[in-house]
Amino acid sequence: MNIYLIMIYLLLILPPILSISYFTNHTQIVSMIGSLLTVFLSVLILFIPLSVYSYFDINQVNRVLIISVSAVYSMSVFFASTYHKGISNPEHLQMHYSLMHLFTFTMLFTLLINNFGLMWIGIEATTASSALLLIIERERNQMEAAWRYVLIVSTGLTIALISIILLYLNYDSLDASFIISGGHGVSLLLSVAGVTALIGFGTKIGIFPMHTWLPDAHGEAPSEISAMFSGILLPVAAYVLYRFYQATVTPVVSELFLFFILFTVIFVAIIMPSQRNLKRMFAYSTMENMALILLGLITGGLALIGAILIIITHAFGKSGAFFTSGNIIKSYGTKDMDHISGLRDRMPSSAATLLGSSLIVTGAPPFTVFAGELLIFYQLIKNGNYLAVGIIATCLLVISLSVISKVSRMIFDGNEKVAEISRIDMTQGSVAMISFLLGFSITVFFLGGLI
């Protein structure tokens, strides 16, 4: 067994081992140390040559997602350690940490495995391991959101199973690297496989109209779980759909992917201006981000580089947005943005983090999401997709203005009313700020490598 394979096994084994900490009295400290070790191992994976190692595959897309998954996971563990201090039942928090470790394992397994059937199992396992993470406080709204999440996503993944069966019938194999590298012709079987994969895994990603679970789950989940859902789970699902696209792409499949991506962005642009719930607003923003990531992946060329840049930046920017949202919601006691004001004076560091994360995830220049969008637009124009560029650019403008205007009102309006109130920023703000620093550093590292 070579050193590279050992590193992969260590990365996969560590989170399940950490989950056993549920049976100890030191769950929190073990989780923190273990999550940092996971980040260290994922950084080592970055230096493994791109190739297939036994049952695992390291490629230019999944190695980016591996570091994103481990980093957001670690930040979420640290955030939870302070965010849930007042939880009434400590055993619920111990179980919460244990499930976070298992959830991370399922995502890392899905990214690394080189078999379409096992990818599907990995994605299904992310649903099972993450559903209970929504209900740490056992509130009715959380339980309803968890139920909708499991029901809708599992139904979608059942449809995705059809694509796996069709892939096997066509190739007599489910080896992802072998199938993708071998190329294929146009056939009805592959077209149906591509469409069922789009519908099935598109449900997990939040592609319109299979998205209905997403704003509910993000809106009711604890903030660190919203960060993991938005920042890393959905990009992992997008990666799986991208691999299926590579194995099944035909002209019909390509057109359908573009059609659903465009309608997702259009839908978000229509619904975003009416949003009042802080976390649901960022959940709908994630739908737009996922549509762009998927578009960049399937377009290829410079658009693929653009998608990678968005994946990295979105993971940390959106995590910062949800961490900060949790801080604000806990302080104000409401998710309604109409009842949140005076952030600049009352919670200055949270205000700065919220504004920064909002600018990042909406693709404001000069942040890296903006650079990624430009690369995607450039490749689309080069391919002659002028209409798609016009539609997406218009929708992105509407979405960005909606988010920034709502965030600006919360930060700058009503400060005169809270001038005498003591500042109440909590320690979670520092975790959100760290996410910016990590995201910026990692993005610069990858940007230099890609150039």
Foldseek 3Di string as FASTA:
>chain_A
DDPLVVLLVCLLPLLLVLLVCLPPPPNLVSLLVSLVVNLVSLVVNVPDPADADVQWGDDPQLSLLSNLLSVLLNLLSVLCVPLCPPQPDVSLVSNLSSLSSQLSSLLSQLSIGQFLVVVLVSLLSNLVSLLSQQQSNVDPLSNVLSVCSNVLLVVLSVLLVLLNVLLCVVPVGRGLVCLLVVDDDDDPSLLSSLVSLCRRLVLLLQFPPSNVSQLSSQLRGQLSSVLSSLLRSNVSSLVSSLSSCSNRPDPNSVVVLLVRLLVLLVVLLVCLLVDFFQRSNLSSLSSNLSSQLSLLSNLDDLLPVLSSLSSLQSSLLSSLQSLLLSQQCVVQVGRGLVSAAQCCQQAVLSLVSNLVSLCQSLLHPPHSNVVSLVSSLVSCVVVVVVVSSVSNVVSSVSSSVSSNVSSCRNHHPPNVVCNPPHHDGDPSSVSSVVSVVVSVVVSVVVVVVVD
